[in-house]
Amino acid sequence: MEDREFLEKIKNGSMSLDDGVSYLKDYGYKELGFAKLDFHRKKRRHFGEVIFCQGKEDFALAEIFRAFYDRGENILGTRADRHQFNIVKDIIKEAKFNEISGTITVKRKQKALLGNIAVCTGGTADLKIAEEAKDTAEFFGAYVNTFYDIGVSGLHRLVSKIDEINSSNVIIVIAGMEGALPTVIAGQVDKPVIAVPTSVGYGAGLGGISALLTMVNSCAEGISVVNIDNGFGAAYQAAQINRLIEKDL
């Protein structure tokens, strides 16, 4: 919770002094033995810590989600599978799962979505990464418009949407194969473009390395590039920019 909210709870008696002391003990981070949960990150960076679910043991995943939930936090988990979601759902009944993106969300405090982030994909095979980006940006308070399957092999699809795309504050462009879409879009807009190479493609695509190299060698200005398949990283950066533009996200 925010500092003022915490003090108000103590003042009006809705939180006991003992609970308040316990809360302050974990103000910096909570020691679980196998993990140290960074509760202070939201204070430092405005956005709280996110749980990367892939590879975590079942007991660890359960205890981490439980600790954030007990703290009263909104929770975002990425790269989760159905088995992991079921573990979380047993603990937190209001948890939601996006089967496509693999994100788990728990939203205890709802607020209006502000600004505008565009999420664009070259093809339908990029949908998993795009949905991860969309879920992340929305979790951090941004309004998101999606423009899927507008790749360079059919430029008329992109041209019909370019004005709407350019009306956003930040543009996330996700593409596999040769990864040319960010360059094409960046050459037509006056907004920052965050490029996400995906591992979609045949053998010479090298699991996304070809798209990555295309994007980092782009001749269009104003492009930043994140790691292969990293929809979360792109959305986090986009949400930061969007927040600064909108001021009060």
C-alpha atoms as a PDB file:
ATOM      1  CA  MET A   1       0.000   0.000   0.000  1.00  0.00           C
ATOM      2  CA  GLU A   2       1.024   3.641  -0.324  1.00  0.00           C
ATOM      3  CA  ASP A   3       2.704   5.297   2.688  1.00  0.00           C
ATOM      4  CA  ARG A   4      -0.252   7.590   3.295  1.00  0.00           C
ATOM      5  CA  GLU A   5      -2.692   4.689   3.126  1.00  0.00           C
ATOM      6  CA  PHE A   6      -0.600   2.796   5.683  1.00  0.00           C
ATOM      7  CA  LEU A   7      -0.549   5.732   8.099  1.00  0.00           C
ATOM      8  CA  GLU A   8      -4.295   6.294   7.687  1.00  0.00           C
ATOM      9  CA  LYS A   9      -4.950   2.639   8.577  1.00  0.00           C
ATOM     10  CA  ILE A  10      -2.907   2.995  11.749  1.00  0.00           C
ATOM     11  CA  LYS A  11      -4.614   6.289  12.594  1.00  0.00           C
ATOM     12  CA  ASN A  12      -8.180   5.038  12.123  1.00  0.00           C
ATOM     13  CA  GLY A  13      -7.520   1.695  13.813  1.00  0.00           C
ATOM     14  CA  SER A  14      -8.201  -0.534  10.799  1.00  0.00           C
ATOM     15  CA  MET A  15      -4.642  -1.847  11.180  1.00  0.00           C
ATOM     16  CA  SER A  16      -3.316  -2.814  14.599  1.00  0.00           C
ATOM     17  CA  LEU A  17       0.053  -1.638  15.873  1.00  0.00           C
ATOM     18  CA  ASP A  18       1.328  -5.218  15.786  1.00  0.00           C
ATOM     19  CA  ASP A  19       0.282  -5.581  12.135  1.00  0.00           C
ATOM     20  CA  GLY A  20       1.870  -2.222  11.424  1.00  0.00           C
ATOM     21  CA  VAL A  21       5.170  -3.316  12.938  1.00  0.00           C
ATOM     22  CA  SER A  22       5.036  -6.522  10.886  1.00  0.00           C
ATOM     23  CA  TYR A  23       4.363  -4.485   7.735  1.00  0.00           C
ATOM     24  CA  LEU A  24       7.313  -2.182   8.378  1.00  0.00           C
ATOM     25  CA  LYS A  25       9.621  -5.127   9.042  1.00  0.00           C
ATOM     26  CA  ASP A  26       9.150  -6.226   5.426  1.00  0.00           C
ATOM     27  CA  TYR A  27       9.175  -2.682   4.013  1.00  0.00           C
ATOM     28  CA  GLY A  28      12.460  -3.198   2.193  1.00  0.00           C
ATOM     29  CA  TYR A  29      12.132  -6.862   1.296  1.00  0.00           C
ATOM     30  CA  LYS A  30      10.634 -10.003   2.732  1.00  0.00           C
ATOM     31  CA  GLU A  31      12.973 -12.896   3.483  1.00  0.00           C
ATOM     32  CA  LEU A  32      11.523 -16.267   2.536  1.00  0.00           C
ATOM     33  CA  GLY A  33      14.800 -18.167   2.691  1.00  0.00           C
ATOM     34  CA  PHE A  34      14.640 -19.281  -0.934  1.00  0.00           C
ATOM     35  CA  ALA A  35      13.614 -15.786  -2.153  1.00  0.00           C
ATOM     36  CA  LYS A  36      13.807 -12.142  -1.140  1.00  0.00           C
ATOM     37  CA  LEU A  37      10.678 -10.292  -2.265  1.00  0.00           C
ATOM     38  CA  ASP A  38      11.355  -6.672  -3.162  1.00  0.00           C
ATOM     39  CA  PHE A  39       8.339  -4.851  -1.739  1.00  0.00           C
ATOM     40  CA  HIS A  40      10.262  -1.566  -1.945  1.00  0.00           C
ATOM     41  CA  ARG A  41      10.571  -1.716  -5.736  1.00  0.00           C
ATOM     42  CA  LYS A  42       7.244   0.041  -6.272  1.00  0.00           C
ATOM     43  CA  LYS A  43       8.491   2.927  -4.137  1.00  0.00           C
ATOM     44  CA  ARG A  44      11.736   3.179  -6.126  1.00  0.00           C
ATOM     45  CA  ARG A  45      10.430   2.544  -9.629  1.00  0.00           C
ATOM     46  CA  HIS A  46       6.677   3.265  -9.397  1.00  0.00           C
ATOM     47  CA  PHE A  47       5.960  -0.271 -10.675  1.00  0.00           C
ATOM     48  CA  GLY A  48       6.143  -3.195  -8.275  1.00  0.00           C
ATOM     49  CA  GLU A  49       8.035  -6.458  -8.622  1.00  0.00           C
ATOM     50  CA  VAL A  50       6.687  -8.996 -11.136  1.00  0.00           C
ATOM     51  CA  ILE A  51       6.875 -12.767 -10.645  1.00  0.00           C
ATOM     52  CA  PHE A  52       8.643 -14.734 -13.389  1.00  0.00           C
ATOM     53  CA  CYS A  53       6.916 -18.091 -13.008  1.00  0.00           C
ATOM     54  CA  GLN A  54       8.767 -20.305 -15.471  1.00  0.00           C
ATOM     55  CA  GLY A  55      11.100 -22.745 -13.750  1.00  0.00           C
ATOM     56  CA  LYS A  56       9.932 -22.044 -10.211  1.00  0.00           C
ATOM     57  CA  GLU A  57       9.201 -24.970  -7.913  1.00  0.00           C
ATOM     58  CA  ASP A  58       5.541 -25.362  -6.938  1.00  0.00           C
ATOM     59  CA  PHE A  59       6.115 -24.592  -3.254  1.00  0.00           C
ATOM     60  CA  ALA A  60       8.157 -21.491  -4.091  1.00  0.00           C
ATOM     61  CA  LEU A  61       5.571 -20.158  -6.513  1.00  0.00           C
ATOM     62  CA  ALA A  62       2.796 -20.645  -3.962  1.00  0.00           C
ATOM     63  CA  GLU A  63       4.665 -18.911  -1.136  1.00  0.00           C
ATOM     64  CA  ILE A  64       5.688 -15.963  -3.328  1.00  0.00           C
ATOM     65  CA  PHE A  65       2.149 -15.333  -4.552  1.00  0.00           C
ATOM     66  CA  ARG A  66       0.808 -15.743  -1.026  1.00  0.00           C
ATOM     67  CA  ALA A  67       3.290 -13.187   0.341  1.00  0.00           C
ATOM     68  CA  PHE A  68       2.356 -10.563  -2.236  1.00  0.00           C
ATOM     69  CA  TYR A  69      -1.341 -11.245  -1.699  1.00  0.00           C
ATOM     70  CA  ASP A  70      -1.044 -10.941   2.079  1.00  0.00           C
ATOM     71  CA  ARG A  71       0.691  -7.622   1.495  1.00  0.00           C
ATOM     72  CA  GLY A  72      -2.413  -6.364  -0.322  1.00  0.00           C
ATOM     73  CA  GLU A  73      -0.600  -5.948  -3.644  1.00  0.00           C
ATOM     74  CA  ASN A  74      -1.783  -6.297  -7.199  1.00  0.00           C
ATOM     75  CA  ILE A  75       0.171  -9.213  -8.659  1.00  0.00           C
ATOM     76  CA  LEU A  76       1.470 -10.021 -12.130  1.00  0.00           C
ATOM     77  CA  GLY A  77       3.093 -13.344 -12.960  1.00  0.00           C
ATOM     78  CA  THR A  78       4.612 -14.032 -16.380  1.00  0.00           C
ATOM     79  CA  ARG A  79       5.542 -17.196 -18.308  1.00  0.00           C
ATOM     80  CA  ALA A  80       3.208 -19.409 -16.300  1.00  0.00           C
ATOM     81  CA  ASP A  81       1.562 -22.627 -17.442  1.00  0.00           C
ATOM     82  CA  ARG A  82      -1.851 -24.062 -16.561  1.00  0.00           C
ATOM     83  CA  HIS A  83      -0.412 -26.227 -13.775  1.00  0.00           C
ATOM     84  CA  GLN A  84       1.152 -23.198 -12.122  1.00  0.00           C
ATOM     85  CA  PHE A  85      -2.043 -21.205 -12.447  1.00  0.00           C
ATOM     86  CA  ASN A  86      -3.983 -23.977 -10.709  1.00  0.00           C
ATOM     87  CA  ILE A  87      -1.545 -23.775  -7.788  1.00  0.00           C
ATOM     88  CA  VAL A  88      -2.083 -20.017  -7.529  1.00  0.00           C
ATOM     89  CA  LYS A  89      -5.847 -20.348  -7.961  1.00  0.00           C
ATOM     90  CA  ASP A  90      -6.025 -22.659  -4.958  1.00  0.00           C
ATOM     91  CA  ILE A  91      -4.564 -19.857  -2.853  1.00  0.00           C
ATOM     92  CA  ILE A  92      -6.055 -16.774  -4.534  1.00  0.00           C
ATOM     93  CA  LYS A  93      -9.551 -17.341  -5.881  1.00  0.00           C
ATOM     94  CA  GLU A  94      -9.686 -14.075  -7.857  1.00  0.00           C
ATOM     95  CA  ALA A  95      -6.540 -14.871  -9.860  1.00  0.00           C
ATOM     96  CA  LYS A  96      -6.996 -14.679 -13.662  1.00  0.00           C
ATOM     97  CA  PHE A  97      -5.063 -16.545 -16.342  1.00  0.00           C
ATOM     98  CA  ASN A  98      -4.431 -15.686 -19.992  1.00  0.00           C
ATOM     99  CA  GLU A  99      -3.910 -19.051 -21.658  1.00  0.00           C
ATOM    100  CA  ILE A 100      -2.254 -17.458 -24.702  1.00  0.00           C
ATOM    101  CA  SER A 101       0.276 -15.218 -22.958  1.00  0.00           C
ATOM    102  CA  GLY A 102       0.818 -17.313 -19.833  1.00  0.00           C
ATOM    103  CA  THR A 103       0.219 -14.353 -17.524  1.00  0.00           C
ATOM    104  CA  ILE A 104      -1.420 -14.595 -14.100  1.00  0.00           C
ATOM    105  CA  THR A 105      -2.993 -11.422 -12.745  1.00  0.00           C
ATOM    106  CA  VAL A 106      -4.483 -10.525  -9.393  1.00  0.00           C
ATOM    107  CA  LYS A 107      -5.994  -7.044  -9.336  1.00  0.00           C
ATOM    108  CA  ARG A 108      -7.108  -5.991  -5.870  1.00  0.00           C
ATOM    109  CA  LYS A 109      -7.042  -2.259  -6.569  1.00  0.00           C
ATOM    110  CA  GLN A 110      -8.674  -1.218  -9.838  1.00  0.00           C
ATOM    111  CA  LYS A 111      -7.829   2.079 -11.500  1.00  0.00           C
ATOM    112  CA  ALA A 112      -8.669   3.684 -14.823  1.00  0.00           C
ATOM    113  CA  LEU A 113      -6.353   2.917 -17.725  1.00  0.00           C
ATOM    114  CA  LEU A 114      -4.699   6.060 -19.075  1.00  0.00           C
ATOM    115  CA  GLY A 115      -2.699   7.043 -22.122  1.00  0.00           C
ATOM    116  CA  ASN A 116      -2.394   4.828 -25.169  1.00  0.00           C
ATOM    117  CA  ILE A 117       0.079   2.109 -26.116  1.00  0.00           C
ATOM    118  CA  ALA A 118      -0.143   0.365 -29.488  1.00  0.00           C
ATOM    119  CA  VAL A 119       0.860  -3.295 -29.693  1.00  0.00           C
ATOM    120  CA  CYS A 120       1.502  -4.414 -33.280  1.00  0.00           C
ATOM    121  CA  THR A 121       2.467  -7.819 -34.670  1.00  0.00           C
ATOM    122  CA  GLY A 122       3.802  -9.022 -37.967  1.00  0.00           C
ATOM    123  CA  GLY A 123       1.795 -12.246 -37.897  1.00  0.00           C
ATOM    124  CA  THR A 124      -0.591 -14.337 -35.863  1.00  0.00           C
ATOM    125  CA  ALA A 125       2.281 -16.561 -34.718  1.00  0.00           C
ATOM    126  CA  ASP A 126       3.519 -13.572 -32.665  1.00  0.00           C
ATOM    127  CA  LEU A 127       0.286 -13.480 -30.669  1.00  0.00           C
ATOM    128  CA  LYS A 128       1.708 -15.090 -27.507  1.00  0.00           C
ATOM    129  CA  ILE A 129       4.327 -12.365 -27.124  1.00  0.00           C
ATOM    130  CA  ALA A 130       1.858  -9.631 -28.041  1.00  0.00           C
ATOM    131  CA  GLU A 131      -0.612 -10.777 -25.407  1.00  0.00           C
ATOM    132  CA  GLU A 132       2.155 -10.800 -22.791  1.00  0.00           C
ATOM    133  CA  ALA A 133       2.947  -7.198 -23.739  1.00  0.00           C
ATOM    134  CA  LYS A 134      -0.721  -6.194 -23.650  1.00  0.00           C
ATOM    135  CA  ASP A 135      -1.352  -7.804 -20.248  1.00  0.00           C
ATOM    136  CA  THR A 136       1.771  -6.193 -18.791  1.00  0.00           C
ATOM    137  CA  ALA A 137       1.046  -2.693 -20.072  1.00  0.00           C
ATOM    138  CA  GLU A 138      -2.546  -2.859 -18.838  1.00  0.00           C
ATOM    139  CA  PHE A 139      -1.418  -4.175 -15.456  1.00  0.00           C
ATOM    140  CA  PHE A 140       0.784  -1.104 -15.092  1.00  0.00           C
ATOM    141  CA  GLY A 141      -2.097   1.251 -15.846  1.00  0.00           C
ATOM    142  CA  ALA A 142      -1.893   1.881 -19.586  1.00  0.00           C
ATOM    143  CA  TYR A 143      -4.690   1.723 -22.125  1.00  0.00           C
ATOM    144  CA  VAL A 144      -3.708  -0.602 -24.989  1.00  0.00           C
ATOM    145  CA  ASN A 145      -4.805  -0.845 -28.608  1.00  0.00           C
ATOM    146  CA  THR A 146      -3.802  -3.966 -30.539  1.00  0.00           C
ATOM    147  CA  PHE A 147      -2.997  -4.217 -34.241  1.00  0.00           C
ATOM    148  CA  TYR A 148      -2.352  -7.849 -35.063  1.00  0.00           C
ATOM    149  CA  ASP A 149      -1.234  -9.438 -38.342  1.00  0.00           C
ATOM    150  CA  ILE A 150      -0.097  -6.297 -40.166  1.00  0.00           C
ATOM    151  CA  GLY A 151       3.235  -7.650 -41.427  1.00  0.00           C
ATOM    152  CA  VAL A 152       5.296  -6.369 -44.342  1.00  0.00           C
ATOM    153  CA  SER A 153       4.186  -9.103 -46.740  1.00  0.00           C
ATOM    154  CA  GLY A 154       0.847  -7.240 -47.039  1.00  0.00           C
ATOM    155  CA  LEU A 155       1.608  -3.546 -46.526  1.00  0.00           C
ATOM    156  CA  HIS A 156      -1.963  -2.507 -47.341  1.00  0.00           C
ATOM    157  CA  ARG A 157      -2.965  -3.974 -43.962  1.00  0.00           C
ATOM    158  CA  LEU A 158      -0.512  -1.692 -42.170  1.00  0.00           C
ATOM    159  CA  VAL A 159      -1.296   1.389 -44.255  1.00  0.00           C
ATOM    160  CA  SER A 160      -4.964   1.175 -43.348  1.00  0.00           C
ATOM    161  CA  LYS A 161      -4.061   1.351 -39.617  1.00  0.00           C
ATOM    162  CA  ILE A 162      -1.027   3.650 -39.552  1.00  0.00           C
ATOM    163  CA  ASP A 163      -2.861   6.833 -38.485  1.00  0.00           C
ATOM    164  CA  GLU A 164      -4.521   5.003 -35.605  1.00  0.00           C
ATOM    165  CA  ILE A 165      -1.189   3.475 -34.582  1.00  0.00           C
ATOM    166  CA  ASN A 166       0.463   6.896 -34.657  1.00  0.00           C
ATOM    167  CA  SER A 167      -2.180   8.313 -32.296  1.00  0.00           C
ATOM    168  CA  SER A 168      -0.639   6.316 -29.420  1.00  0.00           C
ATOM    169  CA  ASN A 169       2.038   7.533 -26.999  1.00  0.00           C
ATOM    170  CA  VAL A 170       4.330   4.535 -27.557  1.00  0.00           C
ATOM    171  CA  ILE A 171       4.348   1.759 -30.152  1.00  0.00           C
ATOM    172  CA  ILE A 172       5.439  -1.814 -29.466  1.00  0.00           C
ATOM    173  CA  VAL A 173       6.213  -3.722 -32.670  1.00  0.00           C
ATOM    174  CA  ILE A 174       6.578  -7.497 -32.483  1.00  0.00           C
ATOM    175  CA  ALA A 175       7.846  -9.550 -35.422  1.00  0.00           C
ATOM    176  CA  GLY A 176       9.655 -12.763 -36.293  1.00  0.00           C
ATOM    177  CA  MET A 177      10.961 -14.037 -39.647  1.00  0.00           C
ATOM    178  CA  GLU A 178      13.173 -11.218 -41.023  1.00  0.00           C
ATOM    179  CA  GLY A 179      11.881  -8.707 -38.446  1.00  0.00           C
ATOM    180  CA  ALA A 180      11.364  -5.784 -40.825  1.00  0.00           C
ATOM    181  CA  LEU A 181       8.094  -4.426 -39.413  1.00  0.00           C
ATOM    182  CA  PRO A 182       9.593  -2.056 -36.769  1.00  0.00           C
ATOM    183  CA  THR A 183      11.626  -0.264 -39.440  1.00  0.00           C
ATOM    184  CA  VAL A 184       8.604   0.162 -41.694  1.00  0.00           C
ATOM    185  CA  ILE A 185       6.432   1.506 -38.869  1.00  0.00           C
ATOM    186  CA  ALA A 186       9.135   3.749 -37.398  1.00  0.00           C
ATOM    187  CA  GLY A 187       9.596   5.375 -40.782  1.00  0.00           C
ATOM    188  CA  GLN A 188       5.937   6.449 -40.793  1.00  0.00           C
ATOM    189  CA  VAL A 189       5.337   7.683 -37.233  1.00  0.00           C
ATOM    190  CA  ASP A 190       6.588  10.337 -34.806  1.00  0.00           C
ATOM    191  CA  LYS A 191       6.391   8.187 -31.671  1.00  0.00           C
ATOM    192  CA  PRO A 192       8.986   5.989 -29.911  1.00  0.00           C
ATOM    193  CA  VAL A 193       9.027   2.429 -31.221  1.00  0.00           C
ATOM    194  CA  ILE A 194      10.014  -0.541 -29.070  1.00  0.00           C
ATOM    195  CA  ALA A 195      10.876  -3.558 -31.203  1.00  0.00           C
ATOM    196  CA  VAL A 196      10.481  -7.150 -30.045  1.00  0.00           C
ATOM    197  CA  PRO A 197      12.088  -9.893 -32.151  1.00  0.00           C
ATOM    198  CA  THR A 198      10.350 -13.249 -31.844  1.00  0.00           C
ATOM    199  CA  SER A 199      11.613 -16.778 -32.333  1.00  0.00           C
ATOM    200  CA  VAL A 200       9.023 -17.337 -35.078  1.00  0.00           C
ATOM    201  CA  GLY A 201      10.534 -18.500 -38.368  1.00  0.00           C
ATOM    202  CA  TYR A 202      12.288 -21.262 -40.258  1.00  0.00           C
ATOM    203  CA  GLY A 203      15.854 -22.527 -39.792  1.00  0.00           C
ATOM    204  CA  ALA A 204      17.826 -19.479 -40.918  1.00  0.00           C
ATOM    205  CA  GLY A 205      15.766 -17.373 -38.537  1.00  0.00           C
ATOM    206  CA  LEU A 206      17.999 -18.908 -35.845  1.00  0.00           C
ATOM    207  CA  GLY A 207      15.346 -18.792 -33.149  1.00  0.00           C
ATOM    208  CA  GLY A 208      14.867 -15.041 -33.471  1.00  0.00           C
ATOM    209  CA  ILE A 209      18.487 -13.984 -33.881  1.00  0.00           C
ATOM    210  CA  SER A 210      17.936 -12.949 -37.510  1.00  0.00           C
ATOM    211  CA  ALA A 211      15.024 -10.713 -36.496  1.00  0.00           C
ATOM    212  CA  LEU A 212      17.048  -9.327 -33.585  1.00  0.00           C
ATOM    213  CA  LEU A 213      19.958  -8.392 -35.854  1.00  0.00           C
ATOM    214  CA  THR A 214      17.614  -6.772 -38.356  1.00  0.00           C
ATOM    215  CA  MET A 215      16.043  -4.641 -35.635  1.00  0.00           C
ATOM    216  CA  VAL A 216      19.284  -3.486 -34.012  1.00  0.00           C
ATOM    217  CA  ASN A 217      20.627  -2.587 -37.478  1.00  0.00           C
ATOM    218  CA  SER A 218      17.506  -0.657 -38.474  1.00  0.00           C
ATOM    219  CA  CYS A 219      17.985   2.490 -40.543  1.00  0.00           C
ATOM    220  CA  ALA A 220      14.889   4.076 -38.970  1.00  0.00           C
ATOM    221  CA  GLU A 221      15.419   6.426 -36.039  1.00  0.00           C
ATOM    222  CA  GLY A 222      13.770   6.157 -32.636  1.00  0.00           C
ATOM    223  CA  ILE A 223      13.769   2.371 -32.280  1.00  0.00           C
ATOM    224  CA  SER A 224      14.825   0.553 -29.130  1.00  0.00           C
ATOM    225  CA  VAL A 225      15.103  -3.236 -29.154  1.00  0.00           C
ATOM    226  CA  VAL A 226      14.490  -5.728 -26.358  1.00  0.00           C
ATOM    227  CA  ASN A 227      15.443  -9.374 -26.095  1.00  0.00           C
ATOM    228  CA  ILE A 228      13.933 -12.159 -28.203  1.00  0.00           C
ATOM    229  CA  ASP A 229      10.317 -12.946 -27.203  1.00  0.00           C
ATOM    230  CA  ASN A 230      10.461 -10.362 -24.398  1.00  0.00           C
ATOM    231  CA  GLY A 231       6.983  -8.878 -24.591  1.00  0.00           C
ATOM    232  CA  PHE A 232       7.141  -8.129 -20.870  1.00  0.00           C
ATOM    233  CA  GLY A 233      10.300  -6.014 -21.172  1.00  0.00           C
ATOM    234  CA  ALA A 234       8.891  -4.022 -24.065  1.00  0.00           C
ATOM    235  CA  ALA A 235       5.642  -3.345 -22.236  1.00  0.00           C
ATOM    236  CA  TYR A 236       7.420  -2.312 -19.037  1.00  0.00           C
ATOM    237  CA  GLN A 237       9.460   0.281 -20.940  1.00  0.00           C
ATOM    238  CA  ALA A 238       6.400   1.449 -22.871  1.00  0.00           C
ATOM    239  CA  ALA A 239       4.390   1.814 -19.656  1.00  0.00           C
ATOM    240  CA  GLN A 240       7.158   3.922 -18.125  1.00  0.00           C
ATOM    241  CA  ILE A 241       7.138   6.285 -21.114  1.00  0.00           C
ATOM    242  CA  ASN A 242       3.342   6.370 -21.166  1.00  0.00           C
ATOM    243  CA  ARG A 243       3.260   7.190 -17.444  1.00  0.00           C
ATOM    244  CA  LEU A 244       5.630  10.126 -17.885  1.00  0.00           C
ATOM    245  CA  ILE A 245       3.456  11.496 -20.680  1.00  0.00           C
ATOM    246  CA  GLU A 246       0.244  11.088 -18.734  1.00  0.00           C
ATOM    247  CA  LYS A 247       1.860  12.236 -15.451  1.00  0.00           C
ATOM    248  CA  ASP A 248      -0.556  10.586 -13.029  1.00  0.00           C
ATOM    249  CA  LEU A 249      -0.600   6.897 -13.977  1.00  0.00           C
END
